Amino acid sequence: GPYKGGLRFHPTVDDGILKFLGFEQIFKNSLTGLPLGGGKGGSDFNPKGKSEGEIRRFCESFMTELCRYIDASTDVPAGDIGVGGREIGYMYGTYKRLANKHGEGVLTGKSPLFGGIHLRPEAT
């Protein structure tokens, strides 16, 4: 590590897609000149048509499993398709509660209220 990549929530997500996107992310990150590996993660959960409560509960459950694999020096996920500021916020709140850490650069795309920046909030 550290690794950098995105989290995708979309019905087409499966192991093959995540492996390809992770491989692609390695090449994208290598072009930056920064010492970052690449990674992708996600779920076939489709947030479209779901209630706020369903999305929040899914994000909390997702982060409950993911939190043991990420931190600022290992893997720093960002949003991708289906994962915007709202989902990142729910996941960051769960991470903060479980890890008892605040302000750590563990997810990108957070609101400035939670340690994010005002510059580019959209996913790549």
Foldseek 3Di string as FASTA:
>chain_A
DAAEEAEAAALVDDPVVQVVRQVVQQVVVVVVVDPHHGGYYYYNHACPPDDLVVLLVVLLVVLVVCLVQWFLPHYEYEHDHRQFQSSVASSVVNSCVVVVDFLGRRYALYDVVRNYDPPDNDDD
